[in-house]
PDB file of N, CA and C in Angstrom:
ATOM      1  N   UNK A   1     -63.561 -56.364 107.487  1.00  0.00           N
ATOM      2  CA  UNK A   1     -63.274 -56.361 108.891  1.00  0.00           C
ATOM      3  C   UNK A   1     -61.780 -56.368 109.110  1.00  0.00           C
ATOM      4  N   UNK A   2     -61.421 -55.877 110.277  1.00  0.00           N
ATOM      5  CA  UNK A   2     -60.006 -55.753 110.549  1.00  0.00           C
ATOM      6  C   UNK A   2     -59.632 -56.493 111.807  1.00  0.00           C
ATOM      7  N   UNK A   3     -58.526 -56.098 112.401  1.00  0.00           N
ATOM      8  CA  UNK A   3     -57.948 -56.832 113.511  1.00  0.00           C
ATOM      9  C   UNK A   3     -58.592 -56.581 114.850  1.00  0.00           C
ATOM     10  N   UNK A   4     -59.812 -56.106 114.904  1.00  0.00           N
ATOM     11  CA  UNK A   4     -60.425 -55.792 116.181  1.00  0.00           C
ATOM     12  C   UNK A   4     -60.921 -57.033 116.916  1.00  0.00           C
ATOM     13  N   UNK A   5     -60.759 -58.219 116.338  1.00  0.00           N
ATOM     14  CA  UNK A   5     -61.171 -59.433 117.019  1.00  0.00           C
ATOM     15  C   UNK A   5     -60.385 -59.610 118.313  1.00  0.00           C
ATOM     16  N   UNK A   6     -59.185 -59.017 118.404  1.00  0.00           N
ATOM     17  CA  UNK A   6     -58.361 -59.125 119.594  1.00  0.00           C
ATOM     18  C   UNK A   6     -58.949 -58.337 120.753  1.00  0.00           C
ATOM     19  N   UNK A   7     -59.683 -57.296 120.497  1.00  0.00           N
ATOM     20  CA  UNK A   7     -60.246 -56.435 121.531  1.00  0.00           C
ATOM     21  C   UNK A   7     -61.763 -56.430 121.388  1.00  0.00           C
ATOM     22  N   UNK A   8     -62.471 -57.098 122.304  1.00  0.00           N
ATOM     23  CA  UNK A   8     -63.927 -57.196 122.161  1.00  0.00           C
ATOM     24  C   UNK A   8     -64.640 -55.846 122.231  1.00  0.00           C
ATOM     25  N   UNK A   9     -64.084 -54.893 122.966  1.00  0.00           N
ATOM     26  CA  UNK A   9     -64.713 -53.572 123.051  1.00  0.00           C
ATOM     27  C   UNK A   9     -64.620 -52.861 121.704  1.00  0.00           C
ATOM     28  N   UNK A  10     -63.424 -52.879 121.103  1.00  0.00           N
ATOM     29  CA  UNK A  10     -63.265 -52.265 119.783  1.00  0.00           C
ATOM     30  C   UNK A  10     -64.132 -52.975 118.752  1.00  0.00           C
ATOM     31  N   UNK A  11     -64.190 -54.286 118.838  1.00  0.00           N
ATOM     32  CA  UNK A  11     -64.993 -55.066 117.888  1.00  0.00           C
ATOM     33  C   UNK A  11     -66.465 -54.685 117.994  1.00  0.00           C
ATOM     34  N   UNK A  12     -66.968 -54.586 119.215  1.00  0.00           N
ATOM     35  CA  UNK A  12     -68.363 -54.206 119.417  1.00  0.00           C
ATOM     36  C   UNK A  12     -68.653 -52.806 118.909  1.00  0.00           C
ATOM     37  N   UNK A  13     -67.736 -51.888 119.175  1.00  0.00           N
ATOM     38  CA  UNK A  13     -67.898 -50.515 118.703  1.00  0.00           C
ATOM     39  C   UNK A  13     -67.874 -50.464 117.182  1.00  0.00           C
ATOM     40  N   UNK A  14     -66.973 -51.232 116.585  1.00  0.00           N
ATOM     41  CA  UNK A  14     -66.872 -51.283 115.129  1.00  0.00           C
ATOM     42  C   UNK A  14     -68.177 -51.787 114.511  1.00  0.00           C
ATOM     43  N   UNK A  15     -68.755 -52.812 115.098  1.00  0.00           N
ATOM     44  CA  UNK A  15     -70.012 -53.375 114.599  1.00  0.00           C
ATOM     45  C   UNK A  15     -71.136 -52.341 114.700  1.00  0.00           C
ATOM     46  N   UNK A  16     -71.217 -51.652 115.837  1.00  0.00           N
ATOM     47  CA  UNK A  16     -72.259 -50.641 116.029  1.00  0.00           C
ATOM     48  C   UNK A  16     -72.120 -49.478 115.046  1.00  0.00           C
ATOM     49  N   UNK A  17     -70.902 -48.990 114.867  1.00  0.00           N
ATOM     50  CA  UNK A  17     -70.667 -47.870 113.956  1.00  0.00           C
ATOM     51  C   UNK A  17     -71.002 -48.280 112.526  1.00  0.00           C
ATOM     52  N   UNK A  18     -70.550 -49.468 112.123  1.00  0.00           N
ATOM     53  CA  UNK A  18     -70.852 -49.943 110.769  1.00  0.00           C
ATOM     54  C   UNK A  18     -72.360 -50.088 110.553  1.00  0.00           C
ATOM     55  N   UNK A  19     -73.071 -50.594 111.565  1.00  0.00           N
ATOM     56  CA  UNK A  19     -74.524 -50.751 111.447  1.00  0.00           C
ATOM     57  C   UNK A  19     -75.207 -49.391 111.304  1.00  0.00           C
ATOM     58  N   UNK A  20     -74.764 -48.413 112.086  1.00  0.00           N
ATOM     59  CA  UNK A  20     -75.347 -47.072 111.982  1.00  0.00           C
ATOM     60  C   UNK A  20     -75.069 -46.447 110.618  1.00  0.00           C
ATOM     61  N   UNK A  21     -73.870 -46.642 110.103  1.00  0.00           N
ATOM     62  CA  UNK A  21     -73.541 -46.109 108.774  1.00  0.00           C
ATOM     63  C   UNK A  21     -74.392 -46.771 107.695  1.00  0.00           C
ATOM     64  N   UNK A  22     -74.646 -48.070 107.837  1.00  0.00           N
ATOM     65  CA  UNK A  22     -75.503 -48.770 106.876  1.00  0.00           C
ATOM     66  C   UNK A  22     -76.937 -48.244 106.938  1.00  0.00           C
ATOM     67  N   UNK A  23     -77.430 -47.971 108.143  1.00  0.00           N
ATOM     68  CA  UNK A  23     -78.783 -47.418 108.287  1.00  0.00           C
ATOM     69  C   UNK A  23     -78.897 -46.051 107.624  1.00  0.00           C
ATOM     70  N   UNK A  24     -77.888 -45.229 107.808  1.00  0.00           N
ATOM     71  CA  UNK A  24     -77.903 -43.905 107.181  1.00  0.00           C
ATOM     72  C   UNK A  24     -77.905 -44.039 105.664  1.00  0.00           C
ATOM     73  N   UNK A  25     -77.072 -44.938 105.141  1.00  0.00           N
ATOM     74  CA  UNK A  25     -77.001 -45.127 103.693  1.00  0.00           C
ATOM     75  C   UNK A  25     -78.334 -45.642 103.141  1.00  0.00           C
ATOM     76  N   UNK A  26     -78.986 -46.533 103.883  1.00  0.00           N
ATOM     77  CA  UNK A  26     -80.243 -47.117 103.416  1.00  0.00           C
ATOM     78  C   UNK A  26     -81.433 -46.175 103.586  1.00  0.00           C
ATOM     79  N   UNK A  27     -81.293 -45.167 104.427  1.00  0.00           N
ATOM     80  CA  UNK A  27     -82.421 -44.281 104.726  1.00  0.00           C
ATOM     81  C   UNK A  27     -82.802 -43.385 103.558  1.00  0.00           C
ATOM     82  N   UNK A  28     -81.847 -43.081 102.681  1.00  0.00           N
ATOM     83  CA  UNK A  28     -82.123 -42.204 101.559  1.00  0.00           C
ATOM     84  C   UNK A  28     -82.295 -40.751 101.957  1.00  0.00           C
ATOM     85  N   UNK A  29     -81.889 -40.400 103.167  1.00  0.00           N
ATOM     86  CA  UNK A  29     -82.032 -39.027 103.650  1.00  0.00           C
ATOM     87  C   UNK A  29     -81.186 -38.065 102.837  1.00  0.00           C
ATOM     88  N   UNK A  30     -80.131 -38.558 102.225  1.00  0.00           N
ATOM     89  CA  UNK A  30     -79.222 -37.683 101.483  1.00  0.00           C
ATOM     90  C   UNK A  30     -79.697 -37.398 100.052  1.00  0.00           C
ATOM     91  N   UNK A  31     -80.951 -37.672  99.761  1.00  0.00           N
ATOM     92  CA  UNK A  31     -81.494 -37.394  98.430  1.00  0.00           C
ATOM     93  C   UNK A  31     -81.437 -35.898  98.143  1.00  0.00           C
ATOM     94  N   UNK A  32     -81.405 -35.546  96.878  1.00  0.00           N
ATOM     95  CA  UNK A  32     -81.274 -34.144  96.471  1.00  0.00           C
ATOM     96  C   UNK A  32     -82.447 -33.291  96.960  1.00  0.00           C
ATOM     97  N   UNK A  33     -83.664 -33.814  96.896  1.00  0.00           N
ATOM     98  CA  UNK A  33     -84.835 -33.051  97.325  1.00  0.00           C
ATOM     99  C   UNK A  33     -85.575 -33.841  98.399  1.00  0.00           C
ATOM    100  N   UNK A  34     -85.347 -33.520  99.667  1.00  0.00           N
ATOM    101  CA  UNK A  34     -85.998 -34.279 100.735  1.00  0.00           C
ATOM    102  C   UNK A  34     -87.478 -33.949 100.919  1.00  0.00           C
ATOM    103  N   UNK A  35     -87.977 -32.971 100.167  1.00  0.00           N
ATOM    104  CA  UNK A  35     -89.380 -32.597 100.289  1.00  0.00           C
ATOM    105  C   UNK A  35     -89.588 -31.582 101.395  1.00  0.00           C
ATOM    106  N   UNK A  36     -90.855 -31.290 101.699  1.00  0.00           N
ATOM    107  CA  UNK A  36     -91.135 -30.283 102.726  1.00  0.00           C
ATOM    108  C   UNK A  36     -90.756 -30.791 104.124  1.00  0.00           C
ATOM    109  N   UNK A  37     -90.299 -29.889 104.987  1.00  0.00           N
ATOM    110  CA  UNK A  37     -89.877 -30.289 106.332  1.00  0.00           C
ATOM    111  C   UNK A  37     -90.953 -31.026 107.127  1.00  0.00           C
ATOM    112  N   UNK A  38     -92.211 -30.749 106.873  1.00  0.00           N
ATOM    113  CA  UNK A  38     -93.284 -31.423 107.610  1.00  0.00           C
ATOM    114  C   UNK A  38     -93.278 -32.932 107.364  1.00  0.00           C
ATOM    115  N   UNK A  39     -92.726 -33.356 106.236  1.00  0.00           N
ATOM    116  CA  UNK A  39     -92.697 -34.770 105.909  1.00  0.00           C
ATOM    117  C   UNK A  39     -91.432 -35.493 106.340  1.00  0.00           C
ATOM    118  N   UNK A  40     -90.501 -34.778 106.918  1.00  0.00           N
ATOM    119  CA  UNK A  40     -89.236 -35.391 107.316  1.00  0.00           C
ATOM    120  C   UNK A  40     -89.402 -36.193 108.601  1.00  0.00           C
ATOM    121  N   UNK A  41     -88.836 -37.362 108.610  1.00  0.00           N
ATOM    122  CA  UNK A  41     -88.747 -38.112 109.857  1.00  0.00           C
ATOM    123  C   UNK A  41     -87.521 -37.630 110.631  1.00  0.00           C
ATOM    124  N   UNK A  42     -86.461 -37.288 109.883  1.00  0.00           N
ATOM    125  CA  UNK A  42     -85.221 -36.780 110.463  1.00  0.00           C
ATOM    126  C   UNK A  42     -84.765 -35.574 109.658  1.00  0.00           C
ATOM    127  N   UNK A  43     -84.115 -34.642 110.310  1.00  0.00           N
ATOM    128  CA  UNK A  43     -83.550 -33.478 109.638  1.00  0.00           C
ATOM    129  C   UNK A  43     -82.340 -33.946 108.827  1.00  0.00           C
ATOM    130  N   UNK A  44     -82.348 -33.774 107.500  1.00  0.00           N
ATOM    131  CA  UNK A  44     -81.236 -34.243 106.664  1.00  0.00           C
ATOM    132  C   UNK A  44     -79.879 -33.674 107.085  1.00  0.00           C
ATOM    133  N   UNK A  45     -79.855 -32.444 107.563  1.00  0.00           N
ATOM    134  CA  UNK A  45     -78.589 -31.848 107.992  1.00  0.00           C
ATOM    135  C   UNK A  45     -78.043 -32.556 109.233  1.00  0.00           C
ATOM    136  N   UNK A  46     -78.922 -32.916 110.164  1.00  0.00           N
ATOM    137  CA  UNK A  46     -78.486 -33.637 111.359  1.00  0.00           C
ATOM    138  C   UNK A  46     -77.987 -35.035 111.004  1.00  0.00           C
ATOM    139  N   UNK A  47     -78.644 -35.669 110.052  1.00  0.00           N
ATOM    140  CA  UNK A  47     -78.210 -36.994 109.611  1.00  0.00           C
ATOM    141  C   UNK A  47     -76.828 -36.907 108.981  1.00  0.00           C
ATOM    142  N   UNK A  48     -76.604 -35.872 108.179  1.00  0.00           N
ATOM    143  CA  UNK A  48     -75.298 -35.687 107.553  1.00  0.00           C
ATOM    144  C   UNK A  48     -74.220 -35.451 108.614  1.00  0.00           C
ATOM    145  N   UNK A  49     -74.528 -34.650 109.624  1.00  0.00           N
ATOM    146  CA  UNK A  49     -73.571 -34.408 110.707  1.00  0.00           C
ATOM    147  C   UNK A  49     -73.253 -35.698 111.452  1.00  0.00           C
ATOM    148  N   UNK A  50     -74.279 -36.508 111.708  1.00  0.00           N
ATOM    149  CA  UNK A  50     -74.061 -37.773 112.406  1.00  0.00           C
ATOM    150  C   UNK A  50     -73.194 -38.712 111.562  1.00  0.00           C
ATOM    151  N   UNK A  51     -73.421 -38.715 110.259  1.00  0.00           N
ATOM    152  CA  UNK A  51     -72.615 -39.562 109.381  1.00  0.00           C
ATOM    153  C   UNK A  51     -71.143 -39.152 109.430  1.00  0.00           C
ATOM    154  N   UNK A  52     -70.884 -37.852 109.423  1.00  0.00           N
ATOM    155  CA  UNK A  52     -69.503 -37.364 109.509  1.00  0.00           C
ATOM    156  C   UNK A  52     -68.879 -37.812 110.829  1.00  0.00           C
ATOM    157  N   UNK A  53     -69.627 -37.690 111.925  1.00  0.00           N
ATOM    158  CA  UNK A  53     -69.118 -38.102 113.230  1.00  0.00           C
ATOM    159  C   UNK A  53     -68.843 -39.604 113.268  1.00  0.00           C
ATOM    160  N   UNK A  54     -69.736 -40.392 112.685  1.00  0.00           N
ATOM    161  CA  UNK A  54     -69.545 -41.845 112.668  1.00  0.00           C
ATOM    162  C   UNK A  54     -68.328 -42.236 111.830  1.00  0.00           C
ATOM    163  N   UNK A  55     -68.130 -41.569 110.704  1.00  0.00           N
ATOM    164  CA  UNK A  55     -66.959 -41.868 109.876  1.00  0.00           C
ATOM    165  C   UNK A  55     -65.668 -41.480 110.595  1.00  0.00           C
ATOM    166  N   UNK A  56     -65.714 -40.404 111.348  1.00  0.00           N
ATOM    167  CA  UNK A  56     -64.557 -39.998 112.143  1.00  0.00           C
ATOM    168  C   UNK A  56     -64.267 -41.038 113.227  1.00  0.00           C
ATOM    169  N   UNK A  57     -65.311 -41.510 113.881  1.00  0.00           N
ATOM    170  CA  UNK A  57     -65.156 -42.547 114.898  1.00  0.00           C
ATOM    171  C   UNK A  57     -64.623 -43.828 114.279  1.00  0.00           C
ATOM    172  N   UNK A  58     -65.101 -44.160 113.086  1.00  0.00           N
ATOM    173  CA  UNK A  58     -64.618 -45.366 112.382  1.00  0.00           C
ATOM    174  C   UNK A  58     -63.123 -45.244 112.088  1.00  0.00           C
ATOM    175  N   UNK A  59     -62.683 -44.053 111.693  1.00  0.00           N
ATOM    176  CA  UNK A  59     -61.266 -43.824 111.452  1.00  0.00           C
ATOM    177  C   UNK A  59     -60.451 -43.972 112.724  1.00  0.00           C
ATOM    178  N   UNK A  60     -60.994 -43.508 113.845  1.00  0.00           N
ATOM    179  CA  UNK A  60     -60.296 -43.646 115.124  1.00  0.00           C
ATOM    180  C   UNK A  60     -60.185 -45.115 115.522  1.00  0.00           C
ATOM    181  N   UNK A  61     -61.231 -45.884 115.272  1.00  0.00           N
ATOM    182  CA  UNK A  61     -61.191 -47.319 115.566  1.00  0.00           C
ATOM    183  C   UNK A  61     -60.094 -47.983 114.742  1.00  0.00           C
ATOM    184  N   UNK A  62     -60.035 -47.658 113.459  1.00  0.00           N
ATOM    185  CA  UNK A  62     -59.010 -48.240 112.593  1.00  0.00           C
ATOM    186  C   UNK A  62     -57.610 -47.856 113.061  1.00  0.00           C
ATOM    187  N   UNK A  63     -57.444 -46.616 113.516  1.00  0.00           N
ATOM    188  CA  UNK A  63     -56.138 -46.183 114.020  1.00  0.00           C
ATOM    189  C   UNK A  63     -55.764 -46.958 115.277  1.00  0.00           C
ATOM    190  N   UNK A  64     -56.727 -47.178 116.163  1.00  0.00           N
ATOM    191  CA  UNK A  64     -56.456 -47.954 117.371  1.00  0.00           C
ATOM    192  C   UNK A  64     -56.108 -49.397 117.033  1.00  0.00           C
ATOM    193  N   UNK A  65     -56.793 -49.953 116.053  1.00  0.00           N
ATOM    194  CA  UNK A  65     -56.496 -51.326 115.640  1.00  0.00           C
ATOM    195  C   UNK A  65     -55.082 -51.423 115.086  1.00  0.00           C
ATOM    196  N   UNK A  66     -54.678 -50.429 114.327  1.00  0.00           N
ATOM    197  CA  UNK A  66     -53.329 -50.413 113.766  1.00  0.00           C
ATOM    198  C   UNK A  66     -52.301 -50.315 114.879  1.00  0.00           C
ATOM    199  N   UNK A  67     -52.548 -49.429 115.832  1.00  0.00           N
ATOM    200  CA  UNK A  67     -51.628 -49.251 116.953  1.00  0.00           C
ATOM    201  C   UNK A  67     -51.637 -50.444 117.891  1.00  0.00           C
ATOM    202  N   UNK A  68     -52.752 -51.160 117.952  1.00  0.00           N
ATOM    203  CA  UNK A  68     -52.894 -52.297 118.863  1.00  0.00           C
ATOM    204  C   UNK A  68     -51.850 -53.378 118.583  1.00  0.00           C
ATOM    205  N   UNK A  69     -51.454 -53.525 117.334  1.00  0.00           N
ATOM    206  CA  UNK A  69     -50.483 -54.549 116.961  1.00  0.00           C
ATOM    207  C   UNK A  69     -49.041 -54.145 117.181  1.00  0.00           C
ATOM    208  N   UNK A  70     -48.794 -52.898 117.508  1.00  0.00           N
ATOM    209  CA  UNK A  70     -47.426 -52.418 117.713  1.00  0.00           C
ATOM    210  C   UNK A  70     -46.994 -52.609 119.156  1.00  0.00           C
ATOM    211  N   UNK A  71     -45.691 -52.653 119.342  1.00  0.00           N
ATOM    212  CA  UNK A  71     -45.163 -52.717 120.698  1.00  0.00           C
ATOM    213  C   UNK A  71     -45.162 -51.314 121.284  1.00  0.00           C
ATOM    214  N   UNK A  72     -45.366 -51.192 122.607  1.00  0.00           N
ATOM    215  CA  UNK A  72     -45.366 -49.864 123.224  1.00  0.00           C
ATOM    216  C   UNK A  72     -44.078 -49.107 122.926  1.00  0.00           C
ATOM    217  N   UNK A  73     -44.208 -47.857 122.544  1.00  0.00           N
ATOM    218  CA  UNK A  73     -43.047 -47.020 122.281  1.00  0.00           C
ATOM    219  C   UNK A  73     -42.451 -47.184 120.905  1.00  0.00           C
ATOM    220  N   UNK A  74     -43.009 -48.060 120.073  1.00  0.00           N
ATOM    221  CA  UNK A  74     -42.411 -48.300 118.757  1.00  0.00           C
ATOM    222  C   UNK A  74     -42.565 -47.102 117.832  1.00  0.00           C
ATOM    223  N   UNK A  75     -43.511 -46.219 118.117  1.00  0.00           N
ATOM    224  CA  UNK A  75     -43.707 -45.044 117.268  1.00  0.00           C
ATOM    225  C   UNK A  75     -42.736 -43.919 117.618  1.00  0.00           C
ATOM    226  N   UNK A  76     -42.054 -44.047 118.738  1.00  0.00           N
ATOM    227  CA  UNK A  76     -41.101 -43.020 119.147  1.00  0.00           C
ATOM    228  C   UNK A  76     -39.806 -43.173 118.375  1.00  0.00           C
ATOM    229  N   UNK A  77     -39.214 -42.056 118.021  1.00  0.00           N
ATOM    230  CA  UNK A  77     -37.936 -42.125 117.304  1.00  0.00           C
ATOM    231  C   UNK A  77     -36.817 -42.396 118.295  1.00  0.00           C
ATOM    232  N   UNK A  78     -35.775 -43.033 117.855  1.00  0.00           N
ATOM    233  CA  UNK A  78     -34.670 -43.385 118.745  1.00  0.00           C
ATOM    234  C   UNK A  78     -33.562 -42.357 118.712  1.00  0.00           C
ATOM    235  N   UNK A  79     -33.731 -41.297 117.980  1.00  0.00           N
ATOM    236  CA  UNK A  79     -32.609 -40.405 117.860  1.00  0.00           C
ATOM    237  C   UNK A  79     -32.870 -39.031 118.137  1.00  0.00           C
TER     238      UNK A  79
END
């Protein structure tokens, strides 16, 4: 866990994203042979796309947490 305790909205989003990523990992949808489509509960390609989106969102949360500790304008160059 990171510094999102300061922002309850970011913290809640972080918890939700992490939970969804854990569900995807536990689902086993990414197995090499998912079997015939009639037996799928979820389309493996859609699950993979959702995982990519969730990881991207997780990266954005981490970037916001990093920026949250900086003073406004500190990323701007002075010269």
